[in-house]
Amino acid sequence: CLPEGQLAISGIQVARAIYDTLTAPNENAEYVPFLAESVESNDTFTEWTIKVREGVKFHDGTDLTGEVVKNNIDAWRGAYPARSPLLFLFVFENIAGTELVDPMTVKVTTSTPWPSFDAYLFLSGRAGIMAQAQLDDTETCDTNLIGTGPFKLVEWKQNESFQAEKNPDYWQKDAEGNQLPYLDEIEFRPIVDGDARVNALLGGDINAMHTSGAEQIDALQQEAEAGNINLVESDDFAEVAYGMFNMRKAPFDNILARQAAAYAFDRDTFNTVRNLDLFTMASGPFAPGEIGYLEDA
């Protein structure tokens, strides 16, 4: 139930199979219309007009309309009666109001200028558009998943497997005009232990996996060098890990205590022991490629 979900990368992967977002990043990390036909702002970035793509159907056969999109956005910001968002309530609190301009157009007004609002319509894949039936489902919203995405839910055995089949009415084709998705079905399996996940890949039990653990990356690099697997690695637009002090409580309400802890911690040794020197030491809160990145923070 996306407005009430708090998804990390694994949940986002599943959500993107079932749901589409209004915008999505292109290869240049620019946010472009996706489920929306167009997303435009006024000169001060306080009004955003979303034109919804025509001819798109949800998995239950209902049409994607401006009203459904408006209701989803209202659900995100806590203004839709059937939904009670948690994290989204804070993420979208700058939205002052929504208006259905015509059957396929929604206008969003913000309390303050929001130049990056189009990026939040993607929200790392979390902001998928749910069907009206799922929005109004007060009992099984978190298990009866109805999107417009490339796959439709078949069976979900929680903590075991999530099976979905090809959406025959999917709206997207590739650059050559071939109907998407390419696969007839997809299955997600939660494998919590990193070493077990690697062994499942090497043993042919799964076709693909994701990891951010140093020991698993090290093992996969060796397997890739041996020609046993294909490996894609990237730290572009990476998440930066960091430690935080609670400045409201002793001892870290004292700047000297915070400085002492910072100076006492050998980050390079930690990176060697914990991360096998595979990860880049950050000098600030933003990774290279992000708009807030500074070479010398």
C-alpha atoms as a PDB file:
ATOM      1  CA  CYS A   1       0.000   0.000   0.000  1.00  0.00           C
ATOM      2  CA  LEU A   2       2.346   2.658  -1.341  1.00  0.00           C
ATOM      3  CA  PRO A   3       1.178   5.777   0.541  1.00  0.00           C
ATOM      4  CA  GLU A   4       1.682   3.887   3.800  1.00  0.00           C
ATOM      5  CA  GLY A   5       4.738   1.887   2.708  1.00  0.00           C
ATOM      6  CA  GLN A   6       8.301   2.686   3.719  1.00  0.00           C
ATOM      7  CA  LEU A   7      10.267   0.889   1.044  1.00  0.00           C
ATOM      8  CA  ALA A   8      13.977   0.197   0.805  1.00  0.00           C
ATOM      9  CA  ILE A   9      15.625  -0.965  -2.429  1.00  0.00           C
ATOM     10  CA  SER A  10      14.168  -4.503  -2.394  1.00  0.00           C
ATOM     11  CA  GLY A  11      10.614  -3.250  -1.922  1.00  0.00           C
ATOM     12  CA  ILE A  12      11.156  -0.631  -4.616  1.00  0.00           C
ATOM     13  CA  GLN A  13      12.208  -3.351  -7.079  1.00  0.00           C
ATOM     14  CA  VAL A  14       8.946  -5.197  -6.471  1.00  0.00           C
ATOM     15  CA  ALA A  15       6.881  -2.005  -6.587  1.00  0.00           C
ATOM     16  CA  ARG A  16       8.357  -0.967  -9.950  1.00  0.00           C
ATOM     17  CA  ALA A  17       7.300  -4.304 -11.439  1.00  0.00           C
ATOM     18  CA  ILE A  18       3.672  -3.656 -10.447  1.00  0.00           C
ATOM     19  CA  TYR A  19       3.368   0.145 -10.591  1.00  0.00           C
ATOM     20  CA  ASP A  20       4.400   2.995 -12.858  1.00  0.00           C
ATOM     21  CA  THR A  21       5.368   6.462 -11.657  1.00  0.00           C
ATOM     22  CA  LEU A  22       4.321   9.780 -13.178  1.00  0.00           C
ATOM     23  CA  THR A  23       7.931  10.702 -13.951  1.00  0.00           C
ATOM     24  CA  ALA A  24      11.148   8.702 -14.238  1.00  0.00           C
ATOM     25  CA  PRO A  25      14.843   9.564 -14.661  1.00  0.00           C
ATOM     26  CA  ASN A  26      16.404   9.256 -18.110  1.00  0.00           C
ATOM     27  CA  GLU A  27      20.019   8.284 -18.792  1.00  0.00           C
ATOM     28  CA  ASN A  28      21.133  11.819 -17.876  1.00  0.00           C
ATOM     29  CA  ALA A  29      19.345  11.665 -14.492  1.00  0.00           C
ATOM     30  CA  GLU A  30      16.781  14.200 -15.734  1.00  0.00           C
ATOM     31  CA  TYR A  31      13.202  13.592 -14.612  1.00  0.00           C
ATOM     32  CA  VAL A  32      10.929  13.217 -17.624  1.00  0.00           C
ATOM     33  CA  PRO A  33       7.225  12.332 -17.998  1.00  0.00           C
ATOM     34  CA  PHE A  34       6.510   8.608 -17.761  1.00  0.00           C
ATOM     35  CA  LEU A  35       2.966   7.671 -16.770  1.00  0.00           C
ATOM     36  CA  ALA A  36       2.273  11.364 -17.236  1.00  0.00           C
ATOM     37  CA  GLU A  37       2.218  12.790 -20.746  1.00  0.00           C
ATOM     38  CA  SER A  38       3.643  16.079 -19.491  1.00  0.00           C
ATOM     39  CA  VAL A  39       4.631  17.682 -16.182  1.00  0.00           C
ATOM     40  CA  GLU A  40       5.063  21.465 -16.245  1.00  0.00           C
ATOM     41  CA  SER A  41       5.494  24.172 -13.623  1.00  0.00           C
ATOM     42  CA  ASN A  42       4.788  27.878 -13.521  1.00  0.00           C
ATOM     43  CA  ASP A  43       7.690  30.358 -13.389  1.00  0.00           C
ATOM     44  CA  THR A  44       7.874  30.286  -9.594  1.00  0.00           C
ATOM     45  CA  PHE A  45       7.572  26.496  -9.188  1.00  0.00           C
ATOM     46  CA  THR A  46       4.490  26.869  -6.976  1.00  0.00           C
ATOM     47  CA  GLU A  47       2.044  25.312  -9.460  1.00  0.00           C
ATOM     48  CA  TRP A  48       2.616  22.061 -11.306  1.00  0.00           C
ATOM     49  CA  THR A  49       0.308  20.822 -14.082  1.00  0.00           C
ATOM     50  CA  ILE A  50       0.281  17.067 -14.705  1.00  0.00           C
ATOM     51  CA  LYS A  51      -1.257  15.861 -17.960  1.00  0.00           C
ATOM     52  CA  VAL A  52      -2.069  12.146 -17.589  1.00  0.00           C
ATOM     53  CA  ARG A  53      -1.248   9.733 -20.407  1.00  0.00           C
ATOM     54  CA  GLU A  54      -4.363   8.525 -22.264  1.00  0.00           C
ATOM     55  CA  GLY A  55      -5.218   4.917 -23.056  1.00  0.00           C
ATOM     56  CA  VAL A  56      -3.517   3.388 -19.994  1.00  0.00           C
ATOM     57  CA  LYS A  57      -5.379   0.748 -17.999  1.00  0.00           C
ATOM     58  CA  PHE A  58      -4.853  -0.656 -14.536  1.00  0.00           C
ATOM     59  CA  HIS A  59      -4.543  -4.391 -13.999  1.00  0.00           C
ATOM     60  CA  ASP A  60      -8.223  -4.555 -13.020  1.00  0.00           C
ATOM     61  CA  GLY A  61      -9.259  -3.097 -16.386  1.00  0.00           C
ATOM     62  CA  THR A  62     -10.109   0.387 -15.112  1.00  0.00           C
ATOM     63  CA  ASP A  63      -8.774   3.489 -16.859  1.00  0.00           C
ATOM     64  CA  LEU A  64      -5.992   5.728 -15.653  1.00  0.00           C
ATOM     65  CA  THR A  65      -7.587   9.159 -15.218  1.00  0.00           C
ATOM     66  CA  GLY A  66      -6.756  12.532 -13.761  1.00  0.00           C
ATOM     67  CA  GLU A  67      -9.086  11.855 -10.858  1.00  0.00           C
ATOM     68  CA  VAL A  68      -7.238   8.669  -9.892  1.00  0.00           C
ATOM     69  CA  VAL A  69      -3.915  10.510 -10.072  1.00  0.00           C
ATOM     70  CA  LYS A  70      -5.304  13.334  -7.923  1.00  0.00           C
ATOM     71  CA  ASN A  71      -6.556  10.814  -5.374  1.00  0.00           C
ATOM     72  CA  ASN A  72      -3.140   9.139  -5.251  1.00  0.00           C
ATOM     73  CA  ILE A  73      -1.394  12.454  -4.640  1.00  0.00           C
ATOM     74  CA  ASP A  74      -3.951  13.326  -1.968  1.00  0.00           C
ATOM     75  CA  ALA A  75      -3.314   9.929  -0.364  1.00  0.00           C
ATOM     76  CA  TRP A  76       0.430  10.650  -0.270  1.00  0.00           C
ATOM     77  CA  ARG A  77      -0.100  13.920   1.592  1.00  0.00           C
ATOM     78  CA  GLY A  78      -2.705  12.615   4.024  1.00  0.00           C
ATOM     79  CA  ALA A  79      -5.711  14.267   2.389  1.00  0.00           C
ATOM     80  CA  TYR A  80      -7.528  11.126   1.205  1.00  0.00           C
ATOM     81  CA  PRO A  81      -9.903   9.579   3.781  1.00  0.00           C
ATOM     82  CA  ALA A  82      -9.108   5.915   3.153  1.00  0.00           C
ATOM     83  CA  ARG A  83      -5.345   6.233   3.548  1.00  0.00           C
ATOM     84  CA  SER A  84      -3.089   7.131   6.486  1.00  0.00           C
ATOM     85  CA  PRO A  85       0.437   7.820   5.210  1.00  0.00           C
ATOM     86  CA  LEU A  86       3.462   7.858   7.496  1.00  0.00           C
ATOM     87  CA  LEU A  87       6.701   8.816   5.750  1.00  0.00           C
ATOM     88  CA  PHE A  88       4.887  10.309   2.747  1.00  0.00           C
ATOM     89  CA  LEU A  89       3.033  12.695   5.041  1.00  0.00           C
ATOM     90  CA  PHE A  90       6.303  14.526   5.675  1.00  0.00           C
ATOM     91  CA  VAL A  91       7.729  14.105   2.171  1.00  0.00           C
ATOM     92  CA  PHE A  92       4.694  15.776   0.553  1.00  0.00           C
ATOM     93  CA  GLU A  93       3.732  18.238   3.283  1.00  0.00           C
ATOM     94  CA  ASN A  94       4.669  21.165   0.991  1.00  0.00           C
ATOM     95  CA  ILE A  95       1.624  20.419  -1.206  1.00  0.00           C
ATOM     96  CA  ALA A  96      -1.041  22.999  -0.398  1.00  0.00           C
ATOM     97  CA  GLY A  97      -3.761  21.616  -2.656  1.00  0.00           C
ATOM     98  CA  THR A  98      -4.733  19.611  -5.736  1.00  0.00           C
ATOM     99  CA  GLU A  99      -7.280  20.410  -8.424  1.00  0.00           C
ATOM    100  CA  LEU A 100      -8.789  18.354 -11.238  1.00  0.00           C
ATOM    101  CA  VAL A 101      -8.548  20.752 -14.180  1.00  0.00           C
ATOM    102  CA  ASP A 102     -10.149  18.342 -16.659  1.00  0.00           C
ATOM    103  CA  PRO A 103     -10.627  14.557 -16.791  1.00  0.00           C
ATOM    104  CA  MET A 104      -6.935  13.991 -17.629  1.00  0.00           C
ATOM    105  CA  THR A 105      -5.214  16.981 -16.007  1.00  0.00           C
ATOM    106  CA  VAL A 106      -4.277  17.658 -12.383  1.00  0.00           C
ATOM    107  CA  LYS A 107      -2.888  20.887 -10.947  1.00  0.00           C
ATOM    108  CA  VAL A 108      -0.799  20.737  -7.776  1.00  0.00           C
ATOM    109  CA  THR A 109      -0.204  23.896  -5.739  1.00  0.00           C
ATOM    110  CA  THR A 110       2.681  24.071  -3.263  1.00  0.00           C
ATOM    111  CA  SER A 111       3.111  26.234  -0.179  1.00  0.00           C
ATOM    112  CA  THR A 112       6.622  27.299  -1.191  1.00  0.00           C
ATOM    113  CA  PRO A 113       8.537  27.030  -4.500  1.00  0.00           C
ATOM    114  CA  TRP A 114       9.389  23.386  -5.194  1.00  0.00           C
ATOM    115  CA  PRO A 115      11.692  23.198  -8.257  1.00  0.00           C
ATOM    116  CA  SER A 116      12.374  19.470  -7.752  1.00  0.00           C
ATOM    117  CA  PHE A 117       8.735  18.385  -7.444  1.00  0.00           C
ATOM    118  CA  ASP A 118       8.989  16.380 -10.675  1.00  0.00           C
ATOM    119  CA  ALA A 119      11.690  14.241  -9.022  1.00  0.00           C
ATOM    120  CA  TYR A 120       9.380  13.566  -6.077  1.00  0.00           C
ATOM    121  CA  LEU A 121       6.776  12.195  -8.500  1.00  0.00           C
ATOM    122  CA  PHE A 122       9.276   9.354  -8.960  1.00  0.00           C
ATOM    123  CA  LEU A 123      10.721   9.243  -5.421  1.00  0.00           C
ATOM    124  CA  SER A 124      13.215   6.476  -6.264  1.00  0.00           C
ATOM    125  CA  GLY A 125      10.290   4.414  -7.601  1.00  0.00           C
ATOM    126  CA  ARG A 126       8.230   4.662  -4.405  1.00  0.00           C
ATOM    127  CA  ALA A 127       5.549   6.993  -5.829  1.00  0.00           C
ATOM    128  CA  GLY A 128       3.711   4.443  -7.970  1.00  0.00           C
ATOM    129  CA  ILE A 129       0.118   5.129  -8.994  1.00  0.00           C
ATOM    130  CA  MET A 130      -2.394   2.667  -7.497  1.00  0.00           C
ATOM    131  CA  ALA A 131      -5.807   1.862  -8.949  1.00  0.00           C
ATOM    132  CA  GLN A 132      -8.866   3.437  -7.333  1.00  0.00           C
ATOM    133  CA  ALA A 133      -9.947   0.047  -5.958  1.00  0.00           C
ATOM    134  CA  GLN A 134      -6.667  -0.344  -4.094  1.00  0.00           C
ATOM    135  CA  LEU A 135      -6.755   3.248  -2.849  1.00  0.00           C
ATOM    136  CA  ASP A 136     -10.170   2.606  -1.289  1.00  0.00           C
ATOM    137  CA  ASP A 137      -9.309  -0.838   0.092  1.00  0.00           C
ATOM    138  CA  THR A 138      -9.206  -0.500   3.876  1.00  0.00           C
ATOM    139  CA  GLU A 139      -8.628  -4.216   4.509  1.00  0.00           C
ATOM    140  CA  THR A 140      -6.128  -5.579   1.967  1.00  0.00           C
ATOM    141  CA  CYS A 141      -4.501  -2.519   0.386  1.00  0.00           C
ATOM    142  CA  ASP A 142      -1.052  -3.898   1.288  1.00  0.00           C
ATOM    143  CA  THR A 143      -1.607  -7.281  -0.410  1.00  0.00           C
ATOM    144  CA  ASN A 144      -4.128  -6.700  -3.233  1.00  0.00           C
ATOM    145  CA  LEU A 145      -1.795  -4.772  -5.524  1.00  0.00           C
ATOM    146  CA  ILE A 146      -3.302  -3.082  -8.607  1.00  0.00           C
ATOM    147  CA  GLY A 147      -1.081  -0.903 -10.771  1.00  0.00           C
ATOM    148  CA  THR A 148      -0.475  -0.090 -14.429  1.00  0.00           C
ATOM    149  CA  GLY A 149       3.000  -1.653 -14.430  1.00  0.00           C
ATOM    150  CA  PRO A 150       4.575  -4.296 -16.674  1.00  0.00           C
ATOM    151  CA  PHE A 151       3.625  -7.188 -14.372  1.00  0.00           C
ATOM    152  CA  LYS A 152       0.460  -8.265 -12.524  1.00  0.00           C
ATOM    153  CA  LEU A 153       0.466  -9.973  -9.151  1.00  0.00           C
ATOM    154  CA  VAL A 154      -0.217 -13.726  -9.254  1.00  0.00           C
ATOM    155  CA  GLU A 155       0.760 -14.972  -5.791  1.00  0.00           C
ATOM    156  CA  TRP A 156       2.566 -13.489  -2.800  1.00  0.00           C
ATOM    157  CA  LYS A 157       3.829 -15.794  -0.067  1.00  0.00           C
ATOM    158  CA  GLN A 158       5.302 -13.271   2.318  1.00  0.00           C
ATOM    159  CA  ASN A 159       8.958 -13.868   3.246  1.00  0.00           C
ATOM    160  CA  GLU A 160       9.056 -16.623   0.630  1.00  0.00           C
ATOM    161  CA  SER A 161       8.244 -15.505  -2.921  1.00  0.00           C
ATOM    162  CA  PHE A 162       6.400 -12.885  -4.954  1.00  0.00           C
ATOM    163  CA  GLN A 163       5.200 -14.067  -8.380  1.00  0.00           C
ATOM    164  CA  ALA A 164       3.873 -11.827 -11.127  1.00  0.00           C
ATOM    165  CA  GLU A 165       2.930 -12.389 -14.755  1.00  0.00           C
ATOM    166  CA  LYS A 166       3.211 -10.217 -17.854  1.00  0.00           C
ATOM    167  CA  ASN A 167       0.653  -7.447 -18.203  1.00  0.00           C
ATOM    168  CA  PRO A 168      -0.712  -8.082 -21.726  1.00  0.00           C
ATOM    169  CA  ASP A 169      -2.166  -4.566 -21.898  1.00  0.00           C
ATOM    170  CA  TYR A 170       0.993  -2.719 -20.870  1.00  0.00           C
ATOM    171  CA  TRP A 171       1.211   0.713 -22.479  1.00  0.00           C
ATOM    172  CA  GLN A 172       4.949   0.739 -23.221  1.00  0.00           C
ATOM    173  CA  LYS A 173       6.954  -0.475 -26.215  1.00  0.00           C
ATOM    174  CA  ASP A 174      10.705  -0.373 -26.682  1.00  0.00           C
ATOM    175  CA  ALA A 175      12.564   1.828 -29.180  1.00  0.00           C
ATOM    176  CA  GLU A 176      12.072  -0.794 -31.920  1.00  0.00           C
ATOM    177  CA  GLY A 177       8.339  -1.002 -31.289  1.00  0.00           C
ATOM    178  CA  ASN A 178       8.403  -4.332 -29.435  1.00  0.00           C
ATOM    179  CA  GLN A 179       5.791  -4.786 -26.724  1.00  0.00           C
ATOM    180  CA  LEU A 180       7.108  -4.610 -23.174  1.00  0.00           C
ATOM    181  CA  PRO A 181       7.850  -6.364 -20.905  1.00  0.00           C
ATOM    182  CA  TYR A 182      10.062  -8.974 -22.557  1.00  0.00           C
ATOM    183  CA  LEU A 183       9.565 -11.558 -19.802  1.00  0.00           C
ATOM    184  CA  ASP A 184       6.416 -13.647 -19.443  1.00  0.00           C
ATOM    185  CA  GLU A 185       6.755 -13.751 -15.676  1.00  0.00           C
ATOM    186  CA  ILE A 186       8.993 -12.653 -12.833  1.00  0.00           C
ATOM    187  CA  GLU A 187       9.543 -13.971  -9.320  1.00  0.00           C
ATOM    188  CA  PHE A 188      11.140 -12.131  -6.423  1.00  0.00           C
ATOM    189  CA  ARG A 189      12.622 -14.107  -3.534  1.00  0.00           C
ATOM    190  CA  PRO A 190      13.776 -12.472  -0.297  1.00  0.00           C
ATOM    191  CA  ILE A 191      17.146 -14.022   0.628  1.00  0.00           C
ATOM    192  CA  VAL A 192      18.269 -12.168   3.736  1.00  0.00           C
ATOM    193  CA  ASP A 193      21.719 -13.759   4.128  1.00  0.00           C
ATOM    194  CA  GLY A 194      24.167 -12.200   1.669  1.00  0.00           C
ATOM    195  CA  ASP A 195      26.335 -15.305   1.244  1.00  0.00           C
ATOM    196  CA  ALA A 196      23.259 -17.462   0.631  1.00  0.00           C
ATOM    197  CA  ARG A 197      22.144 -14.971  -2.026  1.00  0.00           C
ATOM    198  CA  VAL A 198      25.504 -15.240  -3.819  1.00  0.00           C
ATOM    199  CA  ASN A 199      25.407 -19.047  -3.635  1.00  0.00           C
ATOM    200  CA  ALA A 200      21.867 -19.059  -5.055  1.00  0.00           C
ATOM    201  CA  LEU A 201      23.086 -17.027  -8.031  1.00  0.00           C
ATOM    202  CA  LEU A 202      26.163 -19.186  -8.618  1.00  0.00           C
ATOM    203  CA  GLY A 203      24.080 -22.356  -8.259  1.00  0.00           C
ATOM    204  CA  GLY A 204      21.530 -21.199 -10.828  1.00  0.00           C
ATOM    205  CA  ASP A 205      18.652 -21.011  -8.355  1.00  0.00           C
ATOM    206  CA  ILE A 206      18.129 -17.325  -9.236  1.00  0.00           C
ATOM    207  CA  ASN A 207      18.924 -15.381 -12.401  1.00  0.00           C
ATOM    208  CA  ALA A 208      19.860 -12.027 -10.877  1.00  0.00           C
ATOM    209  CA  MET A 209      20.510 -10.467  -7.488  1.00  0.00           C
ATOM    210  CA  HIS A 210      21.322  -7.150  -5.852  1.00  0.00           C
ATOM    211  CA  THR A 211      23.743  -6.481  -3.026  1.00  0.00           C
ATOM    212  CA  SER A 212      25.625  -3.625  -1.402  1.00  0.00           C
ATOM    213  CA  GLY A 213      27.677  -5.752   1.014  1.00  0.00           C
ATOM    214  CA  ALA A 214      31.446  -5.610   0.643  1.00  0.00           C
ATOM    215  CA  GLU A 215      32.085  -9.332   1.183  1.00  0.00           C
ATOM    216  CA  GLN A 216      29.471 -10.240  -1.409  1.00  0.00           C
ATOM    217  CA  ILE A 217      30.819  -7.659  -3.874  1.00  0.00           C
ATOM    218  CA  ASP A 218      34.337  -9.050  -3.421  1.00  0.00           C
ATOM    219  CA  ALA A 219      33.130 -12.593  -4.121  1.00  0.00           C
ATOM    220  CA  LEU A 220      31.104 -11.479  -7.148  1.00  0.00           C
ATOM    221  CA  GLN A 221      34.049  -9.559  -8.594  1.00  0.00           C
ATOM    222  CA  GLN A 222      36.133 -12.732  -8.493  1.00  0.00           C
ATOM    223  CA  GLU A 223      33.358 -14.725 -10.157  1.00  0.00           C
ATOM    224  CA  ALA A 224      33.005 -12.056 -12.853  1.00  0.00           C
ATOM    225  CA  GLU A 225      36.756 -12.085 -13.512  1.00  0.00           C
ATOM    226  CA  ALA A 226      36.538 -15.850 -13.937  1.00  0.00           C
ATOM    227  CA  GLY A 227      33.774 -15.367 -16.504  1.00  0.00           C
ATOM    228  CA  ASN A 228      31.116 -17.113 -14.430  1.00  0.00           C
ATOM    229  CA  ILE A 229      28.665 -14.218 -14.083  1.00  0.00           C
ATOM    230  CA  ASN A 230      27.857 -10.803 -15.500  1.00  0.00           C
ATOM    231  CA  LEU A 231      28.387  -8.018 -12.965  1.00  0.00           C
ATOM    232  CA  VAL A 232      27.232  -4.401 -13.031  1.00  0.00           C
ATOM    233  CA  GLU A 233      28.758  -2.045 -10.475  1.00  0.00           C
ATOM    234  CA  SER A 234      28.090   1.634  -9.964  1.00  0.00           C
ATOM    235  CA  ASP A 235      28.436   4.282  -7.274  1.00  0.00           C
ATOM    236  CA  ASP A 236      26.911   7.061  -9.388  1.00  0.00           C
ATOM    237  CA  PHE A 237      24.241   8.902  -7.392  1.00  0.00           C
ATOM    238  CA  ALA A 238      25.148   6.627  -4.492  1.00  0.00           C
ATOM    239  CA  GLU A 239      23.655   6.649  -1.037  1.00  0.00           C
ATOM    240  CA  VAL A 240      26.109   8.073   1.485  1.00  0.00           C
ATOM    241  CA  ALA A 241      26.381   6.241   4.805  1.00  0.00           C
ATOM    242  CA  TYR A 242      27.173   8.322   7.871  1.00  0.00           C
ATOM    243  CA  GLY A 243      27.015   8.423  11.648  1.00  0.00           C
ATOM    244  CA  MET A 244      24.885  10.892  13.609  1.00  0.00           C
ATOM    245  CA  PHE A 245      25.085  12.243  17.148  1.00  0.00           C
ATOM    246  CA  ASN A 246      22.051  13.080  19.275  1.00  0.00           C
ATOM    247  CA  MET A 247      22.941  16.638  20.234  1.00  0.00           C
ATOM    248  CA  ARG A 248      20.007  16.883  22.656  1.00  0.00           C
ATOM    249  CA  LYS A 249      21.473  14.406  25.150  1.00  0.00           C
ATOM    250  CA  ALA A 250      24.734  14.066  27.070  1.00  0.00           C
ATOM    251  CA  PRO A 251      27.503  13.531  26.288  1.00  0.00           C
ATOM    252  CA  PHE A 252      27.062  14.668  22.694  1.00  0.00           C
ATOM    253  CA  ASP A 253      25.300  17.880  23.626  1.00  0.00           C
ATOM    254  CA  ASN A 254      28.887  19.036  24.166  1.00  0.00           C
ATOM    255  CA  ILE A 255      30.823  19.924  21.013  1.00  0.00           C
ATOM    256  CA  LEU A 256      34.068  18.720  22.602  1.00  0.00           C
ATOM    257  CA  ALA A 257      32.583  15.233  23.014  1.00  0.00           C
ATOM    258  CA  ARG A 258      31.496  15.196  19.375  1.00  0.00           C
ATOM    259  CA  GLN A 259      34.932  16.338  18.227  1.00  0.00           C
ATOM    260  CA  ALA A 260      36.618  13.733  20.440  1.00  0.00           C
ATOM    261  CA  ALA A 261      34.517  10.933  18.946  1.00  0.00           C
ATOM    262  CA  ALA A 262      35.194  12.162  15.406  1.00  0.00           C
ATOM    263  CA  TYR A 263      38.947  12.382  15.936  1.00  0.00           C
ATOM    264  CA  ALA A 264      39.076   9.034  17.750  1.00  0.00           C
ATOM    265  CA  PHE A 265      37.390   7.171  14.915  1.00  0.00           C
ATOM    266  CA  ASP A 266      39.811   5.905  12.257  1.00  0.00           C
ATOM    267  CA  ARG A 267      37.613   5.964   9.161  1.00  0.00           C
ATOM    268  CA  ASP A 268      40.248   4.500   6.844  1.00  0.00           C
ATOM    269  CA  THR A 269      40.806   1.491   9.091  1.00  0.00           C
ATOM    270  CA  PHE A 270      37.053   1.026   9.405  1.00  0.00           C
ATOM    271  CA  ASN A 271      36.705   1.089   5.616  1.00  0.00           C
ATOM    272  CA  THR A 272      39.442  -1.545   5.322  1.00  0.00           C
ATOM    273  CA  VAL A 273      38.013  -3.884   7.971  1.00  0.00           C
ATOM    274  CA  ARG A 274      34.314  -3.437   7.238  1.00  0.00           C
ATOM    275  CA  ASN A 275      34.307  -2.653   3.512  1.00  0.00           C
ATOM    276  CA  LEU A 276      37.552  -4.267   2.250  1.00  0.00           C
ATOM    277  CA  ASP A 277      38.486  -0.826   0.846  1.00  0.00           C
ATOM    278  CA  LEU A 278      35.900  -1.341  -1.900  1.00  0.00           C
ATOM    279  CA  PHE A 279      33.898   1.760  -1.018  1.00  0.00           C
ATOM    280  CA  THR A 280      34.912   5.384  -1.476  1.00  0.00           C
ATOM    281  CA  MET A 281      35.303   7.462   1.666  1.00  0.00           C
ATOM    282  CA  ALA A 282      32.794  10.315   1.616  1.00  0.00           C
ATOM    283  CA  SER A 283      33.773  13.890   2.469  1.00  0.00           C
ATOM    284  CA  GLY A 284      30.212  15.201   2.700  1.00  0.00           C
ATOM    285  CA  PRO A 285      26.561  14.147   2.667  1.00  0.00           C
ATOM    286  CA  PHE A 286      26.173  14.060  -1.135  1.00  0.00           C
ATOM    287  CA  ALA A 287      27.720  11.623  -3.618  1.00  0.00           C
ATOM    288  CA  PRO A 288      29.320  12.617  -6.951  1.00  0.00           C
ATOM    289  CA  GLY A 289      26.583  13.310  -9.485  1.00  0.00           C
ATOM    290  CA  GLU A 290      24.184  14.766  -6.920  1.00  0.00           C
ATOM    291  CA  ILE A 291      23.476  18.483  -7.173  1.00  0.00           C
ATOM    292  CA  GLY A 292      24.737  19.124  -3.632  1.00  0.00           C
ATOM    293  CA  TYR A 293      28.126  17.438  -4.172  1.00  0.00           C
ATOM    294  CA  LEU A 294      31.287  19.418  -3.442  1.00  0.00           C
ATOM    295  CA  GLU A 295      34.794  18.081  -4.189  1.00  0.00           C
ATOM    296  CA  ASP A 296      36.018  19.744  -1.015  1.00  0.00           C
ATOM    297  CA  ALA A 297      33.226  19.739   1.542  1.00  0.00           C
END
